[in-house]
Protein backbone atom coordinates (compact mmCIF):
# COMPACT_ATOMS: atom_id res chain seq x y z
CA UNK A 1 -6.78 4.71 -10.83
CA UNK A 2 -10.02 5.51 -12.61
CA UNK A 3 -9.98 6.22 -16.32
CA UNK A 4 -9.64 9.89 -17.06
CA UNK A 5 -12.11 11.72 -19.24
CA UNK A 6 -11.83 15.04 -21.00
CA UNK A 7 -13.86 16.68 -18.22
CA UNK A 8 -11.20 15.64 -15.68
CA UNK A 9 -8.45 17.53 -17.49
CA UNK A 10 -7.22 20.97 -16.58
CA UNK A 11 -7.43 23.76 -19.15
CA UNK A 12 -3.77 23.42 -20.10
CA UNK A 13 -4.14 19.66 -20.54
CA UNK A 14 -7.21 20.20 -22.73
CA UNK A 15 -5.19 22.62 -24.87
CA UNK A 16 -2.45 20.00 -25.16
CA UNK A 17 -4.98 17.40 -26.27
CA UNK A 18 -6.49 19.74 -28.86
CA UNK A 19 -2.98 20.54 -30.13
CA UNK A 20 -2.21 16.83 -30.49
CA UNK A 21 -5.45 16.28 -32.40
CA UNK A 22 -4.69 19.25 -34.66
CA UNK A 23 -1.16 17.98 -35.33
CA UNK A 24 -2.48 14.54 -36.26
CA UNK A 25 -5.15 16.08 -38.50
CA UNK A 26 -2.51 18.18 -40.22
CA UNK A 27 -0.16 15.20 -40.60
CA UNK A 28 -2.89 13.12 -42.25
CA UNK A 29 -4.09 16.11 -44.30
CA UNK A 30 -7.70 15.16 -43.61
CA UNK A 31 -10.20 14.90 -40.80
CA UNK A 32 -9.47 12.11 -38.35
CA UNK A 33 -11.76 9.11 -37.99
CA UNK A 34 -13.34 8.38 -34.64
CA UNK A 35 -10.93 5.49 -34.09
CA UNK A 36 -7.92 7.73 -34.76
CA UNK A 37 -9.25 10.45 -32.43
CA UNK A 38 -10.01 7.94 -29.70
CA UNK A 39 -6.57 6.34 -30.01
CA UNK A 40 -4.87 9.74 -29.60
CA UNK A 41 -7.10 10.60 -26.65
CA UNK A 42 -6.53 7.23 -24.93
CA UNK A 43 -2.76 7.57 -25.29
CA UNK A 44 -2.90 11.10 -23.90
CA UNK A 45 -5.12 10.08 -20.97
CA UNK A 46 -2.75 7.21 -20.15
CA UNK A 47 0.21 9.60 -20.19
CA UNK A 48 -1.56 12.13 -17.96
CA UNK A 49 -2.69 9.35 -15.60
CA UNK A 50 0.90 8.13 -15.22
CA UNK A 51 2.11 11.66 -14.49
CA UNK A 52 -0.60 12.20 -11.88
CA UNK A 53 0.15 8.83 -10.27
CA UNK A 54 3.86 9.68 -10.04
CA UNK A 55 3.16 13.03 -8.40
CA UNK A 56 0.66 11.43 -6.01
CA UNK A 57 3.20 8.78 -5.04
CA UNK A 58 5.84 11.45 -4.51
CA UNK A 59 3.44 13.51 -2.38
CA UNK A 60 2.48 10.49 -0.28
CA UNK A 61 6.13 9.65 0.34
CA UNK A 62 6.88 13.26 1.29
CA UNK A 63 3.95 13.40 3.71
CA UNK A 64 5.00 10.08 5.23
CA UNK A 65 8.57 11.34 5.65
CA UNK A 66 7.39 14.59 7.26
CA UNK A 67 5.02 12.73 9.56
CA UNK A 68 7.79 10.35 10.65
CA UNK A 69 10.24 13.19 11.32
CA UNK A 70 7.75 15.31 13.28
CA UNK A 71 7.83 14.66 17.02
CA UNK A 72 4.80 12.85 18.30
CA UNK A 73 2.87 14.66 20.99
CA UNK A 74 2.11 11.39 22.78
CA UNK A 75 5.81 10.46 22.80
CA UNK A 76 6.77 13.72 24.49
CA UNK A 77 4.03 13.59 27.12
CA UNK A 78 5.53 13.35 30.58
CA UNK A 79 3.44 11.06 32.76
CA UNK A 80 5.50 11.88 35.86
CA UNK A 81 4.38 15.50 35.72
CA UNK A 82 0.83 14.40 36.63
CA UNK A 83 1.64 11.78 39.24
CA UNK A 84 2.76 12.66 42.74
CA UNK A 85 6.10 11.12 43.74
CA UNK A 86 4.61 9.67 46.96
CA UNK A 87 1.54 8.33 45.18
CA UNK A 88 -2.12 9.15 45.67
CA UNK A 89 -3.32 9.53 49.24
């Protein structure tokens, strides 16, 4: 999967990221360095990416299951309905 950026996040995920940054800033009792900010962001993006991958995998499996359980239109087509029992004349 491609690397996520802050633009790819939903509003709620952006709020979560800002909350994490604020918590870290408060824990250190100072402004964070670029390296510290980037480390927090990278960890958060990795976590979000894993969550999205899990949901995508689950959705793919569900679609595959539904597709397999749905009757195929080609399997239910009755060829004998179009052919005359005595053949073409």
